[in-house]
Amino acid sequence: MGDQERVPPPPPSDDNDATMTAEQKLYWLNALQVVDTWSVHDDGDGRLFYYDCSTDASQWEVPEPLASLEGEFMMKLMLENAVARSGAWTAHDAGNGTLYYFNSKTRESKWGRPSEWGQVEEEQAAIAPPAAPKEHKAQEMNGVRDGEKAVKKEKKKKKHKKHKTAVKDEEVAEQEEKKEEEVPPQEEEEPLTPEELQAEEERKARELKRIEQFRAMLRDKNIMPFCKWSVALPQIAGDPRFMGVPTMDERRAIFEHFVQHRREDLKAEKKNKLKQAKQLFTELLRDQSRLESWDPNTTLRVFISTLEGQVEPERYKQIQDNALALLTMSAQEKIYVAEFKVEALKRDGEQLRLIKFLEERLAKLDKPLERSPTVPFSFAL
């Protein structure tokens, strides 16, 4: 993939002057996490790289001592890139102008704003006393000065990174040229035995099956084009098919390929549905023409209005479903809402009639029994 060809950001210089020492400290302070000699960093595009201070080298691949902590690093990167936060909840951009909320304690994600959002800030504001105006102004001035210093340091850091990257690119190009010149003659590979060929085919089949299951999971989760990896990760991390792919790099590669081709897949699916709907409707017209159940001069509006009584219920429902699938999501929602309202009115009418019937029966039972005029009120002893 294109990401694998990129060179990871260079490590800080190990010069002994005071300026380089300060930059090295800033480099370590900006790390997401430090484990022994390794430090984890963000390249600014949502990608992690790892720096080893003992060898003074950085790399994209996850080192073996940190392999079990890769999920925690990705989660920490996601939390740091949050749009806003309130207590254990953080807000993230879904990439299409909408927000979703993630709880770092329970690992729960939801589209709607949680009820606890903003409560922590209100409690802290109620408890904390108002600061004095002079102290507030002094803090603002100190904040402005610190911000200017940080901007200057960041500019120096970027210039240093660009210079280091250019030098490393030249060194890599020289090394590749030397390798091409010193390529040893390739040895002829021995043909594989039938058992080895069968084992290789089974391995490829298992790998293809895992990839297809991962893609099916993305389709089930309604992952749409232009969706970001950091946004989709909380939605798919709990699915068993997510763990079927062994490494995080392979998972992200499959995800990126799926998102790039998702729009074309949706267009192809809609085209196939349209073709199938046309074929079914053409067969219906031919069947009705053979049965002579309608006049050839009948208009389309009249034909459709009388179609429900002339076709089997299952076939009529299939035609309706095919027609609905070709509409936009907004049009489908309007139709479903209208159908729901009609059904709700029917249920309400039936409920009112049932209540009225029960009230009438109860009223009849509550009436006193009328005495017959032929029966005396009391018997003489």
Protein backbone atom coordinates (compact mmCIF):
# COMPACT_ATOMS: atom_id res chain seq x y z
CA MET A 1 0.00 0.00 0.00
CA GLY A 2 0.99 3.62 -0.36
CA ASP A 3 1.30 4.04 3.41
CA GLN A 4 4.00 1.37 3.62
CA GLU A 5 6.23 3.29 1.13
CA ARG A 6 6.26 6.44 3.24
CA VAL A 7 9.24 7.00 5.47
CA PRO A 8 8.31 7.46 9.17
CA PRO A 9 9.16 10.83 10.76
CA PRO A 10 12.84 11.03 11.75
CA PRO A 11 13.91 10.81 15.42
CA PRO A 12 15.24 13.90 17.22
CA SER A 13 18.86 14.84 16.76
CA ASP A 14 21.30 13.69 19.43
CA ASP A 15 23.49 16.81 19.33
CA ASN A 16 24.87 17.92 22.64
CA ASP A 17 24.03 21.64 22.37
CA ALA A 18 21.32 23.16 24.55
CA THR A 19 18.86 23.74 21.65
CA MET A 20 18.86 20.11 20.50
CA THR A 21 18.48 18.87 24.08
CA ALA A 22 15.37 21.02 24.51
CA GLU A 23 13.93 19.67 21.24
CA GLN A 24 14.59 16.12 22.35
CA LYS A 25 12.72 16.78 25.59
CA LEU A 26 9.81 18.29 23.61
CA TYR A 27 9.81 15.24 21.32
CA TRP A 28 9.43 12.88 24.31
CA LEU A 29 6.84 15.11 26.01
CA ASN A 30 4.65 15.05 22.87
CA ALA A 31 4.62 11.23 22.77
CA LEU A 32 1.28 9.47 23.21
CA GLN A 33 2.89 6.93 25.55
CA VAL A 34 6.38 5.80 26.61
CA VAL A 35 7.12 2.14 27.34
CA ASP A 36 10.75 1.33 28.32
CA THR A 37 12.92 2.56 25.42
CA TRP A 38 9.98 2.87 23.00
CA SER A 39 7.76 5.93 22.55
CA VAL A 40 4.54 6.11 20.51
CA HIS A 41 3.83 9.18 18.32
CA ASP A 42 1.13 10.53 15.98
CA ASP A 43 2.23 11.62 12.47
CA GLY A 44 -0.68 14.09 12.21
CA ASP A 45 -2.75 12.00 9.75
CA GLY A 46 -4.15 9.52 12.29
CA ARG A 47 -1.22 7.08 11.84
CA LEU A 48 1.03 5.83 14.64
CA PHE A 49 4.80 5.38 14.44
CA TYR A 50 7.26 4.11 17.06
CA TYR A 51 10.66 5.48 18.13
CA ASP A 52 13.38 3.50 19.95
CA CYS A 53 15.76 5.77 21.88
CA SER A 54 18.32 2.98 22.29
CA THR A 55 18.81 2.57 18.51
CA ASP A 56 17.77 6.15 17.60
CA ALA A 57 15.39 4.84 14.89
CA SER A 58 11.67 5.18 14.12
CA GLN A 59 9.37 2.74 12.29
CA TRP A 60 5.73 2.19 11.24
CA GLU A 61 5.49 -1.47 12.30
CA VAL A 62 4.46 -2.28 15.85
CA PRO A 63 7.45 -3.65 17.81
CA GLU A 64 7.00 -7.01 19.49
CA PRO A 65 7.11 -5.65 23.10
CA LEU A 66 4.19 -3.31 22.27
CA ALA A 67 2.08 -5.67 20.12
CA SER A 68 -0.44 -6.37 22.90
CA LEU A 69 -0.90 -2.62 23.59
CA GLU A 70 -1.68 -1.53 20.01
CA GLY A 71 -5.44 -1.34 20.66
CA GLU A 72 -4.85 0.94 23.69
CA PHE A 73 -2.61 3.23 21.61
CA MET A 74 -5.31 3.53 18.89
CA MET A 75 -7.96 4.27 21.53
CA LYS A 76 -5.73 6.92 23.14
CA LEU A 77 -5.12 8.53 19.73
CA MET A 78 -8.87 8.61 19.09
CA LEU A 79 -9.53 10.24 22.49
CA GLU A 80 -6.86 12.90 21.90
CA ASN A 81 -8.42 13.83 18.54
CA ALA A 82 -11.85 14.34 20.16
CA VAL A 83 -13.80 17.46 19.19
CA ALA A 84 -15.03 17.99 22.77
CA ARG A 85 -15.13 16.12 26.07
CA SER A 86 -17.24 16.05 29.22
CA GLY A 87 -16.23 13.69 32.01
CA ALA A 88 -15.83 10.17 30.61
CA TRP A 89 -17.65 11.12 27.36
CA THR A 90 -15.91 12.50 24.26
CA ALA A 91 -17.44 13.85 21.03
CA HIS A 92 -16.00 12.87 17.64
CA ASP A 93 -16.61 13.95 14.04
CA ALA A 94 -18.16 11.16 11.95
CA GLY A 95 -16.85 12.74 8.73
CA ASN A 96 -20.23 13.78 7.27
CA GLY A 97 -21.07 16.73 9.52
CA THR A 98 -22.52 14.64 12.35
CA LEU A 99 -21.14 13.83 15.80
CA TYR A 100 -21.05 10.62 17.77
CA TYR A 101 -20.19 10.20 21.47
CA PHE A 102 -17.84 7.67 23.07
CA ASN A 103 -17.47 6.67 26.75
CA SER A 104 -13.84 5.81 27.58
CA LYS A 105 -14.83 3.87 30.74
CA THR A 106 -17.62 1.64 29.38
CA ARG A 107 -16.36 1.65 25.72
CA GLU A 108 -19.91 2.57 24.65
CA SER A 109 -20.60 4.70 21.53
CA LYS A 110 -23.90 6.37 20.56
CA TRP A 111 -25.21 8.96 18.11
CA GLY A 112 -27.43 10.87 20.56
CA ARG A 113 -25.95 13.22 23.16
CA PRO A 114 -25.76 11.43 26.55
CA SER A 115 -27.74 12.81 29.47
CA GLU A 116 -24.53 13.18 31.56
CA TRP A 117 -23.00 15.58 29.01
CA GLY A 118 -22.10 18.93 30.63
CA GLN A 119 -22.95 17.94 34.22
CA VAL A 120 -19.29 17.79 35.33
CA GLU A 121 -18.55 21.30 34.02
CA GLU A 122 -21.65 22.75 35.73
CA GLU A 123 -20.71 21.16 39.08
CA GLN A 124 -17.14 22.46 38.85
CA ALA A 125 -18.35 25.96 37.93
CA ALA A 126 -20.73 25.96 40.92
CA ILE A 127 -18.00 24.82 43.36
CA ALA A 128 -15.04 26.93 42.12
CA PRO A 129 -14.98 30.60 43.41
CA PRO A 130 -14.73 33.41 40.83
CA ALA A 131 -11.12 34.44 40.15
CA ALA A 132 -9.94 37.99 40.74
CA PRO A 133 -9.85 40.24 37.64
CA LYS A 134 -6.16 41.05 38.03
CA GLU A 135 -5.16 37.42 38.35
CA HIS A 136 -7.30 36.60 35.31
CA LYS A 137 -5.58 39.26 33.19
CA ALA A 138 -2.15 38.06 34.32
CA GLN A 139 -3.04 34.49 33.42
CA GLU A 140 -4.21 35.63 29.97
CA MET A 141 -0.92 37.48 29.35
CA ASN A 142 1.09 34.44 30.45
CA GLY A 143 -1.05 32.22 28.21
CA VAL A 144 -0.40 34.49 25.19
CA ARG A 145 3.36 34.45 25.84
CA ASP A 146 3.41 30.68 26.28
CA GLY A 147 1.42 30.30 23.05
CA GLU A 148 3.91 32.46 21.10
CA LYS A 149 6.83 30.42 22.48
CA ALA A 150 5.10 27.17 21.57
CA VAL A 151 4.47 28.42 17.99
CA LYS A 152 8.14 29.35 17.58
CA LYS A 153 9.26 25.95 18.89
CA GLU A 154 6.81 24.19 16.58
CA LYS A 155 8.16 26.11 13.54
CA LYS A 156 11.74 25.15 14.46
CA LYS A 157 10.66 21.55 14.93
CA LYS A 158 8.95 21.44 11.49
CA LYS A 159 12.03 22.90 9.76
CA HIS A 160 14.23 20.36 11.51
CA LYS A 161 11.90 17.51 10.48
CA LYS A 162 11.87 18.62 6.81
CA HIS A 163 15.66 18.78 6.75
CA LYS A 164 16.00 15.35 8.37
CA THR A 165 13.43 13.83 5.99
CA ALA A 166 15.27 15.17 2.93
CA VAL A 167 18.60 13.78 4.21
CA LYS A 168 17.05 10.39 4.94
CA ASP A 169 15.42 10.25 1.48
CA GLU A 170 18.81 10.81 -0.12
CA GLU A 171 20.38 8.09 2.05
CA VAL A 172 17.59 5.63 1.20
CA ALA A 173 17.97 6.35 -2.53
CA GLU A 174 21.73 5.74 -2.33
CA GLN A 175 21.21 2.48 -0.45
CA GLU A 176 18.66 1.28 -3.02
CA GLU A 177 21.07 2.05 -5.86
CA LYS A 178 23.81 0.07 -4.10
CA LYS A 179 21.45 -2.85 -3.53
CA GLU A 180 20.44 -2.87 -7.21
CA GLU A 181 24.10 -2.95 -8.23
CA GLU A 182 24.93 -5.74 -5.76
CA VAL A 183 21.96 -8.00 -6.51
CA PRO A 184 23.18 -11.62 -6.25
CA PRO A 185 22.10 -14.14 -8.90
CA GLN A 186 18.75 -15.64 -7.96
CA GLU A 187 18.74 -19.32 -7.20
CA GLU A 188 16.23 -21.53 -8.93
CA GLU A 189 13.35 -22.37 -6.60
CA GLU A 190 12.60 -26.01 -6.09
CA PRO A 191 9.10 -27.10 -7.15
CA LEU A 192 6.68 -27.61 -4.29
CA THR A 193 5.44 -31.05 -3.40
CA PRO A 194 1.71 -31.87 -3.76
CA GLU A 195 1.29 -31.67 0.02
CA GLU A 196 2.93 -28.22 0.13
CA LEU A 197 0.79 -27.02 -2.78
CA GLN A 198 -2.37 -28.22 -1.05
CA ALA A 199 -1.34 -26.54 2.23
CA GLU A 200 -0.61 -23.28 0.37
CA GLU A 201 -4.00 -23.38 -1.36
CA GLU A 202 -5.78 -24.02 1.94
CA ARG A 203 -3.93 -21.11 3.55
CA LYS A 204 -4.95 -18.77 0.73
CA ALA A 205 -8.55 -19.98 0.93
CA ARG A 206 -8.64 -19.28 4.69
CA GLU A 207 -7.17 -15.83 4.16
CA LEU A 208 -9.72 -14.99 1.45
CA LYS A 209 -12.53 -16.21 3.70
CA ARG A 210 -11.35 -13.96 6.57
CA ILE A 211 -11.14 -10.97 4.23
CA GLU A 212 -14.63 -11.61 2.84
CA GLN A 213 -16.05 -11.95 6.37
CA PHE A 214 -14.38 -8.65 7.33
CA ARG A 215 -15.92 -6.95 4.27
CA ALA A 216 -19.34 -8.46 5.09
CA MET A 217 -19.02 -7.01 8.61
CA LEU A 218 -18.35 -3.54 7.14
CA ARG A 219 -21.44 -3.87 4.94
CA ASP A 220 -23.56 -4.99 7.92
CA LYS A 221 -22.36 -1.97 9.94
CA ASN A 222 -23.38 0.38 7.05
CA ILE A 223 -19.87 1.78 6.59
CA MET A 224 -20.31 4.38 3.85
CA PRO A 225 -17.78 6.09 1.49
CA PHE A 226 -15.47 8.74 3.00
CA CYS A 227 -15.81 7.17 6.47
CA LYS A 228 -12.61 7.50 8.54
CA TRP A 229 -10.82 4.61 10.24
CA SER A 230 -10.85 6.37 13.63
CA VAL A 231 -14.64 6.88 13.34
CA ALA A 232 -15.44 3.30 12.29
CA LEU A 233 -13.09 1.59 14.77
CA PRO A 234 -15.37 1.84 17.86
CA GLN A 235 -18.30 0.44 15.83
CA ILE A 236 -16.50 -2.65 14.50
CA ALA A 237 -13.96 -3.46 17.24
CA GLY A 238 -16.41 -5.62 19.21
CA ASP A 239 -17.42 -7.83 16.26
CA PRO A 240 -15.86 -11.36 16.20
CA ARG A 241 -15.13 -10.95 12.48
CA PHE A 242 -12.87 -8.00 13.37
CA MET A 243 -10.54 -10.32 15.30
CA GLY A 244 -10.53 -12.84 12.42
CA VAL A 245 -7.91 -10.71 10.63
CA PRO A 246 -4.68 -11.15 12.66
CA THR A 247 -2.94 -7.75 12.50
CA MET A 248 -4.15 -4.15 12.73
CA ASP A 249 -2.31 -3.19 9.52
CA GLU A 250 -4.21 -5.83 7.52
CA ARG A 251 -7.51 -4.68 9.04
CA ARG A 252 -6.85 -1.08 8.11
CA ALA A 253 -5.72 -2.04 4.59
CA ILE A 254 -8.96 -4.00 4.00
CA PHE A 255 -10.97 -1.08 5.42
CA GLU A 256 -9.28 1.51 3.19
CA HIS A 257 -9.81 -0.64 0.08
CA PHE A 258 -13.47 -1.21 1.04
CA VAL A 259 -14.15 2.51 1.56
CA GLN A 260 -12.47 3.48 -1.73
CA HIS A 261 -14.64 1.06 -3.74
CA ARG A 262 -17.82 1.38 -1.63
CA ARG A 263 -19.42 4.01 -3.89
CA GLU A 264 -18.89 1.85 -6.99
CA ASP A 265 -20.35 -1.18 -5.17
CA LEU A 266 -23.46 0.79 -4.18
CA LYS A 267 -23.95 1.94 -7.77
CA ALA A 268 -23.58 -1.64 -9.04
CA GLU A 269 -26.08 -2.93 -6.44
CA LYS A 270 -28.63 -0.29 -7.39
CA LYS A 271 -28.15 -1.04 -11.09
CA ASN A 272 -28.73 -4.77 -10.51
CA LYS A 273 -31.87 -4.05 -8.45
CA LEU A 274 -33.22 -1.82 -11.23
CA LYS A 275 -32.55 -4.50 -13.83
CA GLN A 276 -34.24 -7.17 -11.70
CA ALA A 277 -37.27 -4.93 -11.05
CA LYS A 278 -37.68 -4.27 -14.78
CA GLN A 279 -37.54 -7.98 -15.56
CA LEU A 280 -40.16 -8.85 -12.91
CA PHE A 281 -42.52 -6.08 -14.07
CA THR A 282 -42.12 -7.15 -17.72
CA GLU A 283 -43.01 -10.74 -16.79
CA LEU A 284 -46.06 -9.45 -14.90
CA LEU A 285 -47.28 -7.50 -17.96
CA ARG A 286 -46.84 -10.54 -20.19
CA ASP A 287 -48.78 -12.76 -17.76
CA GLN A 288 -51.63 -10.27 -17.53
CA SER A 289 -51.70 -9.90 -21.31
CA ARG A 290 -51.98 -13.68 -21.78
CA LEU A 291 -54.78 -13.87 -19.21
CA GLU A 292 -56.58 -10.94 -20.91
CA SER A 293 -57.39 -9.48 -17.49
CA TRP A 294 -56.97 -5.89 -18.70
CA ASP A 295 -57.64 -3.95 -21.86
CA PRO A 296 -54.58 -2.92 -23.97
CA ASN A 297 -55.87 0.67 -24.02
CA THR A 298 -55.85 0.88 -20.21
CA THR A 299 -53.70 3.69 -18.81
CA LEU A 300 -50.83 2.99 -16.43
CA ARG A 301 -52.56 4.73 -13.50
CA VAL A 302 -55.69 2.59 -13.86
CA PHE A 303 -53.62 -0.56 -14.34
CA ILE A 304 -51.60 0.02 -11.16
CA SER A 305 -54.69 0.93 -9.11
CA THR A 306 -56.40 -2.37 -10.07
CA LEU A 307 -53.24 -4.48 -9.90
CA GLU A 308 -53.54 -5.49 -6.23
CA GLY A 309 -56.79 -7.37 -6.79
CA GLN A 310 -55.51 -9.27 -9.85
CA VAL A 311 -52.11 -10.49 -8.60
CA GLU A 312 -51.09 -12.85 -5.80
CA PRO A 313 -50.31 -11.02 -2.52
CA GLU A 314 -46.70 -12.28 -2.38
CA ARG A 315 -45.97 -11.17 -5.94
CA TYR A 316 -47.60 -7.78 -5.37
CA LYS A 317 -45.53 -7.22 -2.21
CA GLN A 318 -42.34 -8.15 -4.09
CA ILE A 319 -43.12 -5.55 -6.76
CA GLN A 320 -43.67 -2.92 -4.05
CA ASP A 321 -40.40 -3.79 -2.30
CA ASN A 322 -38.45 -3.59 -5.58
CA ALA A 323 -39.94 -0.17 -6.31
CA LEU A 324 -39.15 1.12 -2.82
CA ALA A 325 -35.54 -0.06 -3.00
CA LEU A 326 -34.94 2.19 -6.04
CA LEU A 327 -36.03 5.35 -4.20
CA THR A 328 -33.78 7.60 -2.12
CA MET A 329 -33.60 7.15 1.63
CA SER A 330 -35.59 10.35 2.26
CA ALA A 331 -38.39 9.20 -0.06
CA GLN A 332 -38.45 5.77 1.59
CA GLU A 333 -38.71 7.39 5.04
CA LYS A 334 -41.70 9.49 3.92
CA ILE A 335 -43.51 6.40 2.61
CA TYR A 336 -42.80 4.41 5.77
CA VAL A 337 -44.01 7.29 7.97
CA ALA A 338 -47.24 7.60 5.95
CA GLU A 339 -47.88 3.85 6.23
CA PHE A 340 -47.21 3.98 9.97
CA LYS A 341 -49.73 6.81 10.40
CA VAL A 342 -52.42 4.85 8.53
CA GLU A 343 -51.81 1.76 10.66
CA ALA A 344 -51.80 3.86 13.84
CA LEU A 345 -55.17 5.42 12.92
CA LYS A 346 -56.63 1.95 12.30
CA ARG A 347 -55.40 0.70 15.67
CA ASP A 348 -56.75 3.78 17.45
CA GLY A 349 -60.17 3.35 15.78
CA GLU A 350 -60.37 -0.31 16.76
CA GLN A 351 -59.37 0.54 20.32
CA LEU A 352 -62.06 3.24 20.58
CA ARG A 353 -64.76 0.90 19.25
CA LEU A 354 -63.72 -1.80 21.72
CA ILE A 355 -63.81 0.66 24.65
CA LYS A 356 -67.27 1.91 23.60
CA PHE A 357 -68.59 -1.66 23.33
CA LEU A 358 -67.29 -2.58 26.79
CA GLU A 359 -68.74 0.58 28.35
CA GLU A 360 -72.19 -0.19 26.89
CA ARG A 361 -72.11 -3.74 28.24
CA LEU A 362 -71.07 -2.55 31.70
CA ALA A 363 -73.87 0.04 31.70
CA LYS A 364 -76.43 -2.66 30.94
CA LEU A 365 -75.14 -4.87 33.75
CA ASP A 366 -75.29 -2.01 36.26
CA LYS A 367 -79.06 -1.32 35.64
CA PRO A 368 -81.39 -2.64 38.48
CA LEU A 369 -83.61 -5.56 37.60
CA GLU A 370 -87.25 -4.45 37.02
CA ARG A 371 -89.87 -6.36 39.08
CA SER A 372 -92.70 -8.02 37.26
CA PRO A 373 -96.23 -6.62 38.15
CA THR A 374 -97.72 -10.13 38.63
CA VAL A 375 -95.25 -11.06 41.34
CA PRO A 376 -96.16 -9.77 44.84
CA PHE A 377 -93.59 -7.76 46.71
CA SER A 378 -93.78 -10.00 49.80
CA PHE A 379 -95.42 -13.28 50.68
CA ALA A 380 -97.90 -13.46 53.56
CA LEU A 381 -97.01 -15.83 56.33
